[in-house]
Amino acid sequence: MSSATETEKDIIKIILSSIIPPLGVAAEFGISKQFWISVILTMFGYIPGLIYAVYIISRG
């Protein structure tokens, strides 16, 4: 069996982010500054949290 590539891992994290945005960020960075920014943006609204999560995962 081959291990998942980085692209496959990023896709899984983006799917997690579509459910709960901070969840995908936590999967990428753990409980860090990025996670807390995602939590705050998600509290302001789902869409800002989702946009930030997808951006930060695709960038990282």
N, C-alpha and C. Protein backbone atom coordinates (compact mmCIF):
# COMPACT_ATOMS: atom_id res chain seq x y z
N MET A 1 0.84 -1.18 0.00
CA MET A 1 0.00 0.00 0.00
C MET A 1 0.88 1.24 0.00
N SER A 2 0.46 2.23 -0.74
CA SER A 2 1.21 3.48 -0.76
C SER A 2 0.57 4.48 0.19
N SER A 3 1.38 5.37 0.70
CA SER A 3 0.85 6.38 1.61
C SER A 3 0.21 7.50 0.80
N ALA A 4 -0.64 8.26 1.47
CA ALA A 4 -1.34 9.35 0.81
C ALA A 4 -0.35 10.48 0.47
N THR A 5 -0.53 11.07 -0.68
CA THR A 5 0.31 12.18 -1.07
C THR A 5 -0.15 13.45 -0.37
N GLU A 6 0.66 14.49 -0.44
CA GLU A 6 0.31 15.76 0.18
C GLU A 6 -0.99 16.31 -0.39
N THR A 7 -1.21 16.15 -1.68
CA THR A 7 -2.44 16.64 -2.30
C THR A 7 -3.65 15.93 -1.73
N GLU A 8 -3.55 14.62 -1.56
CA GLU A 8 -4.67 13.86 -0.99
C GLU A 8 -4.93 14.28 0.45
N LYS A 9 -3.87 14.52 1.20
CA LYS A 9 -4.03 14.97 2.59
C LYS A 9 -4.69 16.34 2.63
N ASP A 10 -4.29 17.25 1.72
CA ASP A 10 -4.89 18.59 1.67
C ASP A 10 -6.37 18.51 1.31
N ILE A 11 -6.73 17.60 0.42
CA ILE A 11 -8.14 17.45 0.04
C ILE A 11 -8.96 16.99 1.24
N ILE A 12 -8.42 16.07 2.01
CA ILE A 12 -9.12 15.59 3.21
C ILE A 12 -9.29 16.74 4.21
N LYS A 13 -8.25 17.55 4.38
CA LYS A 13 -8.33 18.68 5.30
C LYS A 13 -9.34 19.72 4.83
N ILE A 14 -9.43 19.94 3.53
CA ILE A 14 -10.42 20.89 3.00
C ILE A 14 -11.83 20.35 3.20
N ILE A 15 -12.02 19.05 3.04
CA ILE A 15 -13.33 18.45 3.31
C ILE A 15 -13.69 18.62 4.78
N LEU A 16 -12.74 18.40 5.68
CA LEU A 16 -12.99 18.64 7.10
C LEU A 16 -13.35 20.10 7.34
N SER A 17 -12.67 21.00 6.64
CA SER A 17 -12.95 22.42 6.79
C SER A 17 -14.33 22.80 6.29
N SER A 18 -14.83 22.08 5.31
CA SER A 18 -16.18 22.40 4.82
C SER A 18 -17.24 22.02 5.84
N ILE A 19 -16.93 21.08 6.73
CA ILE A 19 -17.86 20.70 7.79
C ILE A 19 -17.74 21.69 8.95
N ILE A 20 -16.54 21.81 9.50
CA ILE A 20 -16.25 22.75 10.58
C ILE A 20 -14.89 23.36 10.26
N PRO A 21 -14.85 24.63 9.84
CA PRO A 21 -13.58 25.23 9.39
C PRO A 21 -12.40 25.07 10.35
N PRO A 22 -12.55 25.29 11.66
CA PRO A 22 -11.38 25.12 12.52
C PRO A 22 -10.85 23.68 12.58
N LEU A 23 -11.68 22.72 12.28
CA LEU A 23 -11.26 21.32 12.31
C LEU A 23 -10.18 21.05 11.26
N GLY A 24 -10.36 21.55 10.06
CA GLY A 24 -9.35 21.37 9.02
C GLY A 24 -8.06 22.09 9.33
N VAL A 25 -8.18 23.29 9.92
CA VAL A 25 -6.98 24.05 10.29
C VAL A 25 -6.24 23.32 11.40
N ALA A 26 -6.97 22.77 12.36
CA ALA A 26 -6.33 22.01 13.44
C ALA A 26 -5.63 20.77 12.90
N ALA A 27 -6.20 20.15 11.88
CA ALA A 27 -5.57 18.97 11.28
C ALA A 27 -4.25 19.35 10.59
N GLU A 28 -4.16 20.57 10.09
CA GLU A 28 -2.95 21.03 9.41
C GLU A 28 -1.89 21.55 10.39
N PHE A 29 -2.32 22.38 11.34
CA PHE A 29 -1.37 23.09 12.20
C PHE A 29 -1.47 22.76 13.67
N GLY A 30 -2.47 21.98 14.08
CA GLY A 30 -2.67 21.73 15.50
C GLY A 30 -3.34 22.95 16.13
N ILE A 31 -3.33 22.99 17.45
CA ILE A 31 -3.92 24.12 18.16
C ILE A 31 -2.87 25.23 18.19
N SER A 32 -2.98 26.12 17.22
CA SER A 32 -1.99 27.18 17.05
C SER A 32 -2.70 28.50 16.80
N LYS A 33 -1.92 29.51 16.47
CA LYS A 33 -2.48 30.83 16.16
C LYS A 33 -3.48 30.73 15.00
N GLN A 34 -3.15 29.97 13.97
CA GLN A 34 -4.04 29.83 12.81
C GLN A 34 -5.38 29.22 13.22
N PHE A 35 -5.33 28.25 14.14
CA PHE A 35 -6.55 27.62 14.62
C PHE A 35 -7.46 28.65 15.30
N TRP A 36 -6.88 29.46 16.18
CA TRP A 36 -7.68 30.44 16.91
C TRP A 36 -8.23 31.52 16.00
N ILE A 37 -7.47 31.92 14.99
CA ILE A 37 -7.98 32.88 14.00
C ILE A 37 -9.17 32.26 13.28
N SER A 38 -9.07 31.00 12.93
CA SER A 38 -10.17 30.31 12.27
C SER A 38 -11.41 30.23 13.16
N VAL A 39 -11.21 29.97 14.44
CA VAL A 39 -12.34 29.91 15.38
C VAL A 39 -13.04 31.26 15.44
N ILE A 40 -12.27 32.34 15.56
CA ILE A 40 -12.85 33.68 15.65
C ILE A 40 -13.60 34.03 14.38
N LEU A 41 -13.00 33.76 13.22
CA LEU A 41 -13.67 34.06 11.95
C LEU A 41 -14.93 33.23 11.78
N THR A 42 -14.90 31.99 12.22
CA THR A 42 -16.09 31.13 12.12
C THR A 42 -17.19 31.64 13.04
N MET A 43 -16.82 32.21 14.19
CA MET A 43 -17.83 32.77 15.09
C MET A 43 -18.50 33.99 14.45
N PHE A 44 -17.76 34.73 13.61
CA PHE A 44 -18.36 35.85 12.89
C PHE A 44 -19.26 35.38 11.76
N GLY A 45 -19.02 34.19 11.29
CA GLY A 45 -19.84 33.62 10.22
C GLY A 45 -19.13 32.43 9.60
N TYR A 46 -19.91 31.51 9.10
CA TYR A 46 -19.35 30.29 8.52
C TYR A 46 -18.47 30.60 7.31
N ILE A 47 -18.93 31.49 6.45
CA ILE A 47 -18.21 31.78 5.20
C ILE A 47 -16.82 32.37 5.45
N PRO A 48 -16.67 33.40 6.33
CA PRO A 48 -15.31 33.89 6.58
C PRO A 48 -14.38 32.81 7.14
N GLY A 49 -14.89 31.99 8.03
CA GLY A 49 -14.09 30.90 8.57
C GLY A 49 -13.70 29.89 7.51
N LEU A 50 -14.62 29.58 6.63
CA LEU A 50 -14.36 28.62 5.55
C LEU A 50 -13.33 29.16 4.57
N ILE A 51 -13.47 30.42 4.19
CA ILE A 51 -12.52 31.03 3.25
C ILE A 51 -11.12 31.02 3.86
N TYR A 52 -11.01 31.41 5.11
CA TYR A 52 -9.70 31.45 5.77
C TYR A 52 -9.11 30.02 5.86
N ALA A 53 -9.93 29.05 6.23
CA ALA A 53 -9.45 27.68 6.37
C ALA A 53 -8.93 27.13 5.05
N VAL A 54 -9.67 27.32 3.99
CA VAL A 54 -9.23 26.82 2.67
C VAL A 54 -7.96 27.54 2.24
N TYR A 55 -7.91 28.86 2.48
CA TYR A 55 -6.71 29.62 2.11
C TYR A 55 -5.49 29.13 2.87
N ILE A 56 -5.62 29.00 4.17
CA ILE A 56 -4.47 28.64 5.01
C ILE A 56 -4.00 27.20 4.74
N ILE A 57 -4.93 26.30 4.44
CA ILE A 57 -4.55 24.93 4.12
C ILE A 57 -3.87 24.85 2.77
N SER A 58 -4.41 25.55 1.78
CA SER A 58 -3.81 25.49 0.45
C SER A 58 -2.45 26.20 0.40
N ARG A 59 -2.26 27.20 1.25
CA ARG A 59 -0.99 27.93 1.31
C ARG A 59 0.07 27.14 2.07
N GLY A 60 -0.38 26.45 3.14
CA GLY A 60 0.57 25.76 4.03
C GLY A 60 1.02 24.48 3.46
